[in-house]
Amino acid sequence: MTFNKKISISIIIPCYNEADNIAICHKQIDKQLSPTGKDYECIFVDDGSTDNTLTEIKKLCTLAPNVKYVSFSRNFGHQKALRAGLDMAQGEAVITMDADLQHPASLLPEMLSRWNEGYEVVNTRRTEATETNLFKRSTSALFYRLLNFLTDMEIHPGTADFRLTDRKVTNLLCKCRENDLFLRGMVSWCGFRQTTIQYQAANRHAGKTKYSLRRMIELALDGITSFTIRPLRLAILLSVIFILLSMAETGYVCYVAFFTDQSVSGWASLAILISVLGAMTLLMLGIIGEYVGRTFIQGKQRPLYVVRETNILS
């Protein structure tokens, strides 16, 4: 495949305990990009791995001069590893992808071709790998429906952090200093001319997935709270609804007390009322507390990540 203009490509690959995948990941990328004759760099971001991931990356650096690395002082998370790569990347086209080979390198030429056509963001949308269980597929679809309902964005189920961004988009993302990162939402928020490529997700080459249920819930909370205050407004709406229900309950109690002879101590209705209102109060306080807590963390203005070592010259 040929391209119409001279381009420089940055490939950002976050890694956490991916020692067995590093060499083959780079090999597949090089197989796709070398025939284009374009200069490119591979930036491996070691997210505080506890295995030999960093050793394997350094070994690769001695064999391939276009391989660079950033190593964190501890595990900061996938989104912040991606962000570090964006901060370090020099390419006019910046591609983010995972090291587990579920993001196929064979898609790179088509992504670059779409960028060459004038698209400033090339997203990808996966069809699930055969190893993906029903629970993960259903919860993922539910999350995107909820996110799209609560925000003014539209992010399709299966959208992955496997994408290409033009330099102007990358620069804009780097200016956003949010602590709770949700890059899929940030890219959608940026706008620009976007397109999407569908692909069949492959099975993981080696190792285990790092997205546990806890991490997926945390990512979902980041996505929702970073882009909307609608849960707070829904909390207000719910409070109004339950105020009306409480007024109706009060009217019913007064009717029974003054116009019938069926008046009893009322412990059942009172217990139900207190339980419902108490639960709703705790729910609303929890939603408000989530936003207050994130504001507190953001206000500290700590760095998003801490680099222990890198071979990238500033």
C-alpha atoms as a PDB file:
ATOM      1  CA  MET A   1       0.000   0.000   0.000  1.00  0.00           C
ATOM      2  CA  THR A   2       1.289   3.456  -0.856  1.00  0.00           C
ATOM      3  CA  PHE A   3       0.720   6.758   0.915  1.00  0.00           C
ATOM      4  CA  ASN A   4       0.450  10.216  -0.555  1.00  0.00           C
ATOM      5  CA  LYS A   5       2.666  12.104   1.846  1.00  0.00           C
ATOM      6  CA  LYS A   6       5.672  11.736   4.067  1.00  0.00           C
ATOM      7  CA  ILE A   7       4.511  10.752   7.532  1.00  0.00           C
ATOM      8  CA  SER A   8       6.010   9.898  10.860  1.00  0.00           C
ATOM      9  CA  ILE A   9       4.217   7.237  12.888  1.00  0.00           C
ATOM     10  CA  SER A  10       4.241   6.624  16.634  1.00  0.00           C
ATOM     11  CA  ILE A  11       2.954   3.317  18.013  1.00  0.00           C
ATOM     12  CA  ILE A  12       2.140   3.400  21.736  1.00  0.00           C
ATOM     13  CA  ILE A  13       1.943   0.051  23.517  1.00  0.00           C
ATOM     14  CA  PRO A  14       1.094  -0.063  27.249  1.00  0.00           C
ATOM     15  CA  CYS A  15       2.437  -3.171  28.979  1.00  0.00           C
ATOM     16  CA  TYR A  16       1.744  -4.775  32.328  1.00  0.00           C
ATOM     17  CA  ASN A  17       3.283  -8.224  32.810  1.00  0.00           C
ATOM     18  CA  GLU A  18       3.464  -8.881  29.049  1.00  0.00           C
ATOM     19  CA  ALA A  19       7.011 -10.290  28.852  1.00  0.00           C
ATOM     20  CA  ASP A  20       6.037 -13.133  26.500  1.00  0.00           C
ATOM     21  CA  ASN A  21       4.280 -10.777  24.084  1.00  0.00           C
ATOM     22  CA  ILE A  22       6.823  -7.987  23.598  1.00  0.00           C
ATOM     23  CA  ALA A  23       9.014  -9.484  20.859  1.00  0.00           C
ATOM     24  CA  ILE A  24       6.210 -10.924  18.754  1.00  0.00           C
ATOM     25  CA  CYS A  25       4.157  -7.734  19.087  1.00  0.00           C
ATOM     26  CA  HIS A  26       7.027  -5.671  17.688  1.00  0.00           C
ATOM     27  CA  LYS A  27       7.671  -8.237  14.967  1.00  0.00           C
ATOM     28  CA  GLN A  28       4.075  -8.025  13.743  1.00  0.00           C
ATOM     29  CA  ILE A  29       4.121  -4.218  13.778  1.00  0.00           C
ATOM     30  CA  ASP A  30       7.397  -4.102  11.869  1.00  0.00           C
ATOM     31  CA  LYS A  31       6.032  -6.573   9.314  1.00  0.00           C
ATOM     32  CA  GLN A  32       3.173  -4.176   8.519  1.00  0.00           C
ATOM     33  CA  LEU A  33       5.029  -0.854   8.624  1.00  0.00           C
ATOM     34  CA  SER A  34       8.444  -1.630   7.130  1.00  0.00           C
ATOM     35  CA  PRO A  35       7.088  -2.120   3.574  1.00  0.00           C
ATOM     36  CA  THR A  36       5.630   1.403   3.675  1.00  0.00           C
ATOM     37  CA  GLY A  37       9.111   2.929   3.935  1.00  0.00           C
ATOM     38  CA  LYS A  38       7.889   5.394   6.530  1.00  0.00           C
ATOM     39  CA  ASP A  39       9.769   6.270   9.689  1.00  0.00           C
ATOM     40  CA  TYR A  40       8.065   5.003  12.801  1.00  0.00           C
ATOM     41  CA  GLU A  41       8.739   4.579  16.491  1.00  0.00           C
ATOM     42  CA  CYS A  42       7.404   2.005  18.950  1.00  0.00           C
ATOM     43  CA  ILE A  43       6.963   3.326  22.472  1.00  0.00           C
ATOM     44  CA  PHE A  44       6.478   0.568  25.035  1.00  0.00           C
ATOM     45  CA  VAL A  45       5.109   1.900  28.330  1.00  0.00           C
ATOM     46  CA  ASP A  46       5.916  -0.469  31.192  1.00  0.00           C
ATOM     47  CA  ASP A  47       3.127   0.088  33.710  1.00  0.00           C
ATOM     48  CA  GLY A  48       4.997  -1.160  36.772  1.00  0.00           C
ATOM     49  CA  SER A  49       5.292  -4.772  35.634  1.00  0.00           C
ATOM     50  CA  THR A  50       6.413  -7.387  38.159  1.00  0.00           C
ATOM     51  CA  ASP A  51       7.748  -9.869  35.588  1.00  0.00           C
ATOM     52  CA  ASN A  52      10.506  -9.513  32.943  1.00  0.00           C
ATOM     53  CA  THR A  53       8.552  -7.118  30.719  1.00  0.00           C
ATOM     54  CA  LEU A  54      11.031  -4.261  31.096  1.00  0.00           C
ATOM     55  CA  THR A  55      13.980  -6.599  30.496  1.00  0.00           C
ATOM     56  CA  GLU A  56      12.394  -7.837  27.276  1.00  0.00           C
ATOM     57  CA  ILE A  57      11.737  -4.265  26.135  1.00  0.00           C
ATOM     58  CA  LYS A  58      15.337  -3.224  26.821  1.00  0.00           C
ATOM     59  CA  LYS A  59      16.577  -6.266  24.936  1.00  0.00           C
ATOM     60  CA  LEU A  60      14.427  -5.232  21.989  1.00  0.00           C
ATOM     61  CA  CYS A  61      15.840  -1.685  22.180  1.00  0.00           C
ATOM     62  CA  THR A  62      19.347  -3.030  21.521  1.00  0.00           C
ATOM     63  CA  LEU A  63      18.115  -4.765  18.362  1.00  0.00           C
ATOM     64  CA  ALA A  64      15.800  -2.077  16.986  1.00  0.00           C
ATOM     65  CA  PRO A  65      16.805   1.602  17.304  1.00  0.00           C
ATOM     66  CA  ASN A  66      13.235   2.771  16.709  1.00  0.00           C
ATOM     67  CA  VAL A  67      12.034   1.057  19.894  1.00  0.00           C
ATOM     68  CA  LYS A  68      11.671   3.332  22.918  1.00  0.00           C
ATOM     69  CA  TYR A  69      10.426   2.687  26.396  1.00  0.00           C
ATOM     70  CA  VAL A  70       8.970   4.425  29.425  1.00  0.00           C
ATOM     71  CA  SER A  71       8.949   2.622  32.770  1.00  0.00           C
ATOM     72  CA  PHE A  72       6.670   3.704  35.616  1.00  0.00           C
ATOM     73  CA  SER A  73       7.684   3.651  39.277  1.00  0.00           C
ATOM     74  CA  ARG A  74       4.588   1.526  39.984  1.00  0.00           C
ATOM     75  CA  ASN A  75       1.374   0.403  38.353  1.00  0.00           C
ATOM     76  CA  PHE A  76      -0.675   3.513  37.472  1.00  0.00           C
ATOM     77  CA  GLY A  77      -3.185   1.829  35.171  1.00  0.00           C
ATOM     78  CA  HIS A  78      -3.799   1.278  31.482  1.00  0.00           C
ATOM     79  CA  GLN A  79      -5.283   4.716  30.745  1.00  0.00           C
ATOM     80  CA  LYS A  80      -2.365   6.581  32.304  1.00  0.00           C
ATOM     81  CA  ALA A  81       0.103   4.364  30.470  1.00  0.00           C
ATOM     82  CA  LEU A  82      -1.606   5.365  27.226  1.00  0.00           C
ATOM     83  CA  ARG A  83      -1.462   8.994  28.307  1.00  0.00           C
ATOM     84  CA  ALA A  84       2.295   8.766  28.983  1.00  0.00           C
ATOM     85  CA  GLY A  85       2.784   7.413  25.480  1.00  0.00           C
ATOM     86  CA  LEU A  86       0.782  10.279  24.012  1.00  0.00           C
ATOM     87  CA  ASP A  87       2.935  12.749  25.951  1.00  0.00           C
ATOM     88  CA  MET A  88       6.136  11.165  24.588  1.00  0.00           C
ATOM     89  CA  ALA A  89       5.066  10.461  20.996  1.00  0.00           C
ATOM     90  CA  GLN A  90       6.588  12.534  18.184  1.00  0.00           C
ATOM     91  CA  GLY A  91       4.714  11.165  15.194  1.00  0.00           C
ATOM     92  CA  GLU A  92       2.247  13.022  13.017  1.00  0.00           C
ATOM     93  CA  ALA A  93       0.057   9.935  13.281  1.00  0.00           C
ATOM     94  CA  VAL A  94      -0.159   8.332  16.731  1.00  0.00           C
ATOM     95  CA  ILE A  95      -1.544   4.815  17.120  1.00  0.00           C
ATOM     96  CA  THR A  96      -2.371   3.211  20.465  1.00  0.00           C
ATOM     97  CA  MET A  97      -2.694  -0.559  20.779  1.00  0.00           C
ATOM     98  CA  ASP A  98      -2.300  -3.316  23.362  1.00  0.00           C
ATOM     99  CA  ALA A  99       0.620  -5.726  23.607  1.00  0.00           C
ATOM    100  CA  ASP A 100      -1.468  -8.895  23.926  1.00  0.00           C
ATOM    101  CA  LEU A 101      -1.990  -9.181  20.125  1.00  0.00           C
ATOM    102  CA  GLN A 102      -5.762  -8.885  20.388  1.00  0.00           C
ATOM    103  CA  HIS A 103      -5.363  -5.636  18.461  1.00  0.00           C
ATOM    104  CA  PRO A 104      -4.235  -6.958  15.065  1.00  0.00           C
ATOM    105  CA  ALA A 105      -1.203  -5.223  13.550  1.00  0.00           C
ATOM    106  CA  SER A 106      -2.593  -6.184  10.133  1.00  0.00           C
ATOM    107  CA  LEU A 107      -5.061  -3.306  10.569  1.00  0.00           C
ATOM    108  CA  LEU A 108      -2.311  -0.659  10.690  1.00  0.00           C
ATOM    109  CA  PRO A 109      -2.033  -0.058   6.919  1.00  0.00           C
ATOM    110  CA  GLU A 110      -5.789   0.492   6.617  1.00  0.00           C
ATOM    111  CA  MET A 111      -5.760   2.876   9.576  1.00  0.00           C
ATOM    112  CA  LEU A 112      -2.973   4.884   7.975  1.00  0.00           C
ATOM    113  CA  SER A 113      -4.803   4.847   4.669  1.00  0.00           C
ATOM    114  CA  ARG A 114      -7.927   6.291   6.303  1.00  0.00           C
ATOM    115  CA  TRP A 115      -5.769   8.965   7.953  1.00  0.00           C
ATOM    116  CA  ASN A 116      -4.247   9.719   4.578  1.00  0.00           C
ATOM    117  CA  GLU A 117      -7.769  10.274   3.244  1.00  0.00           C
ATOM    118  CA  GLY A 118      -8.195  13.140   5.707  1.00  0.00           C
ATOM    119  CA  TYR A 119      -9.661  11.508   8.805  1.00  0.00           C
ATOM    120  CA  GLU A 120      -8.137  12.922  11.977  1.00  0.00           C
ATOM    121  CA  VAL A 121      -9.303  10.082  14.219  1.00  0.00           C
ATOM    122  CA  VAL A 122      -9.489   6.457  13.115  1.00  0.00           C
ATOM    123  CA  ASN A 123     -11.326   4.403  15.726  1.00  0.00           C
ATOM    124  CA  THR A 124     -11.698   0.652  15.787  1.00  0.00           C
ATOM    125  CA  ARG A 125     -14.660  -1.396  16.917  1.00  0.00           C
ATOM    126  CA  ARG A 126     -14.123  -5.015  17.822  1.00  0.00           C
ATOM    127  CA  THR A 127     -16.286  -8.053  17.510  1.00  0.00           C
ATOM    128  CA  GLU A 128     -15.556 -10.109  20.584  1.00  0.00           C
ATOM    129  CA  ALA A 129     -12.941 -12.825  20.653  1.00  0.00           C
ATOM    130  CA  THR A 130     -14.186 -16.362  21.147  1.00  0.00           C
ATOM    131  CA  GLU A 131     -12.659 -16.449  24.643  1.00  0.00           C
ATOM    132  CA  THR A 132     -14.721 -13.470  25.838  1.00  0.00           C
ATOM    133  CA  ASN A 133     -17.400 -14.727  28.201  1.00  0.00           C
ATOM    134  CA  LEU A 134     -21.067 -13.791  28.139  1.00  0.00           C
ATOM    135  CA  PHE A 135     -20.841 -11.798  31.375  1.00  0.00           C
ATOM    136  CA  LYS A 136     -18.135  -9.494  30.013  1.00  0.00           C
ATOM    137  CA  ARG A 137     -19.960  -8.991  26.711  1.00  0.00           C
ATOM    138  CA  SER A 138     -23.273  -8.180  28.389  1.00  0.00           C
ATOM    139  CA  THR A 139     -21.797  -5.850  31.031  1.00  0.00           C
ATOM    140  CA  SER A 140     -19.772  -4.042  28.356  1.00  0.00           C
ATOM    141  CA  ALA A 141     -22.887  -3.459  26.248  1.00  0.00           C
ATOM    142  CA  LEU A 142     -24.787  -2.285  29.329  1.00  0.00           C
ATOM    143  CA  PHE A 143     -22.017   0.166  30.225  1.00  0.00           C
ATOM    144  CA  TYR A 144     -22.004   1.804  26.791  1.00  0.00           C
ATOM    145  CA  ARG A 145     -25.790   2.122  26.783  1.00  0.00           C
ATOM    146  CA  LEU A 146     -25.649   3.748  30.215  1.00  0.00           C
ATOM    147  CA  LEU A 147     -22.779   6.044  29.202  1.00  0.00           C
ATOM    148  CA  ASN A 148     -24.551   7.201  26.050  1.00  0.00           C
ATOM    149  CA  PHE A 149     -27.761   7.784  28.032  1.00  0.00           C
ATOM    150  CA  LEU A 150     -26.049   9.845  30.724  1.00  0.00           C
ATOM    151  CA  THR A 151     -23.827  11.892  28.411  1.00  0.00           C
ATOM    152  CA  ASP A 152     -24.209  13.723  25.118  1.00  0.00           C
ATOM    153  CA  MET A 153     -21.607  11.511  23.468  1.00  0.00           C
ATOM    154  CA  GLU A 154     -22.127   8.421  21.343  1.00  0.00           C
ATOM    155  CA  ILE A 155     -19.626   5.628  21.918  1.00  0.00           C
ATOM    156  CA  HIS A 156     -20.514   2.312  20.303  1.00  0.00           C
ATOM    157  CA  PRO A 157     -20.125  -0.999  22.164  1.00  0.00           C
ATOM    158  CA  GLY A 158     -16.840  -2.662  21.262  1.00  0.00           C
ATOM    159  CA  THR A 159     -14.968   0.617  20.826  1.00  0.00           C
ATOM    160  CA  ALA A 160     -11.398  -0.037  21.944  1.00  0.00           C
ATOM    161  CA  ASP A 161      -8.282   1.943  22.811  1.00  0.00           C
ATOM    162  CA  PHE A 162      -6.925   0.796  19.456  1.00  0.00           C
ATOM    163  CA  ARG A 163      -7.030   3.970  17.389  1.00  0.00           C
ATOM    164  CA  LEU A 164      -5.104   6.466  15.335  1.00  0.00           C
ATOM    165  CA  THR A 165      -5.094  10.172  16.174  1.00  0.00           C
ATOM    166  CA  ASP A 166      -3.687  12.983  14.089  1.00  0.00           C
ATOM    167  CA  ARG A 167      -1.040  15.214  15.668  1.00  0.00           C
ATOM    168  CA  LYS A 168      -3.544  18.047  16.276  1.00  0.00           C
ATOM    169  CA  VAL A 169      -5.852  15.651  18.144  1.00  0.00           C
ATOM    170  CA  THR A 170      -2.945  14.188  20.122  1.00  0.00           C
ATOM    171  CA  ASN A 171      -1.839  17.678  21.159  1.00  0.00           C
ATOM    172  CA  LEU A 172      -5.365  18.473  22.344  1.00  0.00           C
ATOM    173  CA  LEU A 173      -5.539  15.257  24.388  1.00  0.00           C
ATOM    174  CA  CYS A 174      -2.204  16.088  25.993  1.00  0.00           C
ATOM    175  CA  LYS A 175      -3.546  19.472  27.110  1.00  0.00           C
ATOM    176  CA  CYS A 176      -6.304  17.792  29.129  1.00  0.00           C
ATOM    177  CA  ARG A 177      -4.973  17.297  32.660  1.00  0.00           C
ATOM    178  CA  GLU A 178      -7.777  15.154  34.044  1.00  0.00           C
ATOM    179  CA  ASN A 179      -6.777  12.741  36.779  1.00  0.00           C
ATOM    180  CA  ASP A 180      -9.521  10.207  36.058  1.00  0.00           C
ATOM    181  CA  LEU A 181      -8.790   9.383  32.434  1.00  0.00           C
ATOM    182  CA  PHE A 182     -11.270   7.839  30.016  1.00  0.00           C
ATOM    183  CA  LEU A 183      -9.597   8.287  26.655  1.00  0.00           C
ATOM    184  CA  ARG A 184     -12.439   6.815  24.601  1.00  0.00           C
ATOM    185  CA  GLY A 185     -14.702   9.538  25.898  1.00  0.00           C
ATOM    186  CA  MET A 186     -12.044  12.232  25.508  1.00  0.00           C
ATOM    187  CA  VAL A 187     -11.475  11.307  21.862  1.00  0.00           C
ATOM    188  CA  SER A 188     -15.223  11.413  21.212  1.00  0.00           C
ATOM    189  CA  TRP A 189     -15.425  14.786  22.997  1.00  0.00           C
ATOM    190  CA  CYS A 190     -12.618  16.233  20.821  1.00  0.00           C
ATOM    191  CA  GLY A 191     -14.707  15.963  17.693  1.00  0.00           C
ATOM    192  CA  PHE A 192     -12.776  16.349  14.411  1.00  0.00           C
ATOM    193  CA  ARG A 193     -13.361  14.093  11.418  1.00  0.00           C
ATOM    194  CA  GLN A 194     -13.647  10.525  12.677  1.00  0.00           C
ATOM    195  CA  THR A 195     -14.160   7.119  11.122  1.00  0.00           C
ATOM    196  CA  THR A 196     -14.375   3.568  12.465  1.00  0.00           C
ATOM    197  CA  ILE A 197     -12.937   0.258  11.286  1.00  0.00           C
ATOM    198  CA  GLN A 198     -14.388  -3.024  12.504  1.00  0.00           C
ATOM    199  CA  TYR A 199     -12.149  -5.983  13.257  1.00  0.00           C
ATOM    200  CA  GLN A 200     -12.315  -9.465  14.700  1.00  0.00           C
ATOM    201  CA  ALA A 201     -10.531  -9.567  18.039  1.00  0.00           C
ATOM    202  CA  ALA A 202      -7.976 -12.362  18.278  1.00  0.00           C
ATOM    203  CA  ASN A 203      -7.406 -14.449  21.368  1.00  0.00           C
ATOM    204  CA  ARG A 204      -4.721 -13.257  23.761  1.00  0.00           C
ATOM    205  CA  HIS A 205      -1.305 -14.613  22.720  1.00  0.00           C
ATOM    206  CA  ALA A 206       0.087 -15.102  26.237  1.00  0.00           C
ATOM    207  CA  GLY A 207      -0.610 -14.067  29.807  1.00  0.00           C
ATOM    208  CA  LYS A 208      -3.885 -13.114  31.442  1.00  0.00           C
ATOM    209  CA  THR A 209      -6.195 -10.155  30.974  1.00  0.00           C
ATOM    210  CA  LYS A 210      -5.474  -7.288  33.374  1.00  0.00           C
ATOM    211  CA  TYR A 211      -9.028  -5.944  33.330  1.00  0.00           C
ATOM    212  CA  SER A 212     -10.618  -7.543  36.381  1.00  0.00           C
ATOM    213  CA  LEU A 213     -14.211  -6.814  37.374  1.00  0.00           C
ATOM    214  CA  ARG A 214     -12.950  -4.173  39.813  1.00  0.00           C
ATOM    215  CA  ARG A 215     -10.913  -2.408  37.126  1.00  0.00           C
ATOM    216  CA  MET A 216     -13.833  -2.485  34.695  1.00  0.00           C
ATOM    217  CA  ILE A 217     -16.103  -0.914  37.318  1.00  0.00           C
ATOM    218  CA  GLU A 218     -13.493   1.771  38.023  1.00  0.00           C
ATOM    219  CA  LEU A 219     -13.190   2.521  34.298  1.00  0.00           C
ATOM    220  CA  ALA A 220     -16.977   2.736  34.015  1.00  0.00           C
ATOM    221  CA  LEU A 221     -17.125   5.214  36.901  1.00  0.00           C
ATOM    222  CA  ASP A 222     -14.337   7.266  35.307  1.00  0.00           C
ATOM    223  CA  GLY A 223     -16.198   7.345  32.023  1.00  0.00           C
ATOM    224  CA  ILE A 224     -19.496   8.437  33.548  1.00  0.00           C
ATOM    225  CA  THR A 225     -18.272  10.963  36.114  1.00  0.00           C
ATOM    226  CA  SER A 226     -15.715  12.533  33.775  1.00  0.00           C
ATOM    227  CA  PHE A 227     -18.216  13.596  31.153  1.00  0.00           C
ATOM    228  CA  THR A 228     -21.536  14.325  32.800  1.00  0.00           C
ATOM    229  CA  ILE A 229     -23.251  15.637  35.917  1.00  0.00           C
ATOM    230  CA  ARG A 230     -26.493  13.996  34.872  1.00  0.00           C
ATOM    231  CA  PRO A 231     -26.401  11.479  37.764  1.00  0.00           C
ATOM    232  CA  LEU A 232     -26.597  14.465  40.115  1.00  0.00           C
ATOM    233  CA  ARG A 233     -29.617  15.763  38.219  1.00  0.00           C
ATOM    234  CA  LEU A 234     -31.189  12.316  38.289  1.00  0.00           C
ATOM    235  CA  ALA A 235     -30.650  12.293  42.051  1.00  0.00           C
ATOM    236  CA  ILE A 236     -32.615  15.547  42.283  1.00  0.00           C
ATOM    237  CA  LEU A 237     -35.379  14.055  40.126  1.00  0.00           C
ATOM    238  CA  LEU A 238     -35.529  10.950  42.298  1.00  0.00           C
ATOM    239  CA  SER A 239     -35.720  13.083  45.425  1.00  0.00           C
ATOM    240  CA  VAL A 240     -38.695  14.972  43.957  1.00  0.00           C
ATOM    241  CA  ILE A 241     -40.418  11.696  43.093  1.00  0.00           C
ATOM    242  CA  PHE A 242     -39.982  10.353  46.598  1.00  0.00           C
ATOM    243  CA  ILE A 243     -41.138  13.622  48.139  1.00  0.00           C
ATOM    244  CA  LEU A 244     -44.352  13.217  46.142  1.00  0.00           C
ATOM    245  CA  LEU A 245     -44.642   9.597  47.275  1.00  0.00           C
ATOM    246  CA  SER A 246     -44.130  10.721  50.850  1.00  0.00           C
ATOM    247  CA  MET A 247     -46.893  13.296  50.468  1.00  0.00           C
ATOM    248  CA  ALA A 248     -49.172  10.600  49.070  1.00  0.00           C
ATOM    249  CA  GLU A 249     -48.298   8.342  51.985  1.00  0.00           C
ATOM    250  CA  THR A 250     -49.060  11.180  54.390  1.00  0.00           C
ATOM    251  CA  GLY A 251     -52.424  11.750  52.721  1.00  0.00           C
ATOM    252  CA  TYR A 252     -53.256   8.057  52.960  1.00  0.00           C
ATOM    253  CA  VAL A 253     -52.356   7.956  56.650  1.00  0.00           C
ATOM    254  CA  CYS A 254     -54.506  11.027  57.365  1.00  0.00           C
ATOM    255  CA  TYR A 255     -57.429   9.497  55.458  1.00  0.00           C
ATOM    256  CA  VAL A 256     -57.231   6.245  57.402  1.00  0.00           C
ATOM    257  CA  ALA A 257     -56.887   8.089  60.702  1.00  0.00           C
ATOM    258  CA  PHE A 258     -59.785  10.519  60.269  1.00  0.00           C
ATOM    259  CA  PHE A 259     -62.284   8.835  57.931  1.00  0.00           C
ATOM    260  CA  THR A 260     -62.107   5.099  58.694  1.00  0.00           C
ATOM    261  CA  ASP A 261     -62.137   2.903  61.738  1.00  0.00           C
ATOM    262  CA  GLN A 262     -59.197   0.839  60.481  1.00  0.00           C
ATOM    263  CA  SER A 263     -56.540   2.999  62.026  1.00  0.00           C
ATOM    264  CA  VAL A 264     -53.697   0.969  63.521  1.00  0.00           C
ATOM    265  CA  SER A 265     -50.354   1.857  64.927  1.00  0.00           C
ATOM    266  CA  GLY A 266     -49.025   2.348  61.388  1.00  0.00           C
ATOM    267  CA  TRP A 267     -45.681   0.722  62.010  1.00  0.00           C
ATOM    268  CA  ALA A 268     -45.709  -1.082  58.629  1.00  0.00           C
ATOM    269  CA  SER A 269     -46.260   2.000  56.469  1.00  0.00           C
ATOM    270  CA  LEU A 270     -43.864   3.998  58.624  1.00  0.00           C
ATOM    271  CA  ALA A 271     -41.169   1.344  58.357  1.00  0.00           C
ATOM    272  CA  ILE A 272     -41.563   1.155  54.577  1.00  0.00           C
ATOM    273  CA  LEU A 273     -41.435   4.926  54.251  1.00  0.00           C
ATOM    274  CA  ILE A 274     -38.336   5.245  56.406  1.00  0.00           C
ATOM    275  CA  SER A 275     -36.574   2.409  54.593  1.00  0.00           C
ATOM    276  CA  VAL A 276     -37.287   3.770  51.131  1.00  0.00           C
ATOM    277  CA  LEU A 277     -36.374   7.337  51.970  1.00  0.00           C
ATOM    278  CA  GLY A 278     -33.283   6.218  53.854  1.00  0.00           C
ATOM    279  CA  ALA A 279     -32.079   4.138  50.912  1.00  0.00           C
ATOM    280  CA  MET A 280     -32.650   6.974  48.482  1.00  0.00           C
ATOM    281  CA  THR A 281     -30.865   9.433  50.761  1.00  0.00           C
ATOM    282  CA  LEU A 282     -27.832   7.161  50.966  1.00  0.00           C
ATOM    283  CA  LEU A 283     -27.859   6.688  47.191  1.00  0.00           C
ATOM    284  CA  MET A 284     -27.934  10.427  46.538  1.00  0.00           C
ATOM    285  CA  LEU A 285     -25.232  11.065  49.113  1.00  0.00           C
ATOM    286  CA  GLY A 286     -23.115   8.376  47.462  1.00  0.00           C
ATOM    287  CA  ILE A 287     -23.462   9.986  44.030  1.00  0.00           C
ATOM    288  CA  ILE A 288     -22.612  13.416  45.413  1.00  0.00           C
ATOM    289  CA  GLY A 289     -19.718  11.948  47.382  1.00  0.00           C
ATOM    290  CA  GLU A 290     -18.274  10.350  44.248  1.00  0.00           C
ATOM    291  CA  TYR A 291     -18.103  13.723  42.520  1.00  0.00           C
ATOM    292  CA  VAL A 292     -16.772  15.497  45.606  1.00  0.00           C
ATOM    293  CA  GLY A 293     -14.068  12.853  46.018  1.00  0.00           C
ATOM    294  CA  ARG A 294     -12.957  13.182  42.413  1.00  0.00           C
ATOM    295  CA  THR A 295     -12.856  16.957  42.759  1.00  0.00           C
ATOM    296  CA  PHE A 296     -10.690  16.495  45.854  1.00  0.00           C
ATOM    297  CA  ILE A 297      -8.256  14.226  44.005  1.00  0.00           C
ATOM    298  CA  GLN A 298      -8.113  16.558  40.998  1.00  0.00           C
ATOM    299  CA  GLY A 299      -7.482  19.530  43.270  1.00  0.00           C
ATOM    300  CA  LYS A 300      -4.265  17.967  44.556  1.00  0.00           C
ATOM    301  CA  GLN A 301      -2.793  18.333  41.036  1.00  0.00           C
ATOM    302  CA  ARG A 302      -0.457  15.401  41.473  1.00  0.00           C
ATOM    303  CA  PRO A 303       1.271  14.124  38.309  1.00  0.00           C
ATOM    304  CA  LEU A 304      -0.736  11.540  36.395  1.00  0.00           C
ATOM    305  CA  TYR A 305       2.182   9.102  36.492  1.00  0.00           C
ATOM    306  CA  VAL A 306       5.771   8.849  37.715  1.00  0.00           C
ATOM    307  CA  VAL A 307       8.497   7.779  35.279  1.00  0.00           C
ATOM    308  CA  ARG A 308      11.255   5.706  36.837  1.00  0.00           C
ATOM    309  CA  GLU A 309      13.355   5.459  33.684  1.00  0.00           C
ATOM    310  CA  THR A 310      13.144   6.001  29.939  1.00  0.00           C
ATOM    311  CA  ASN A 311      15.396   6.122  26.882  1.00  0.00           C
ATOM    312  CA  ILE A 312      13.390   8.990  25.361  1.00  0.00           C
ATOM    313  CA  LEU A 313      15.338  12.243  25.426  1.00  0.00           C
ATOM    314  CA  SER A 314      13.281  15.270  26.481  1.00  0.00           C
END
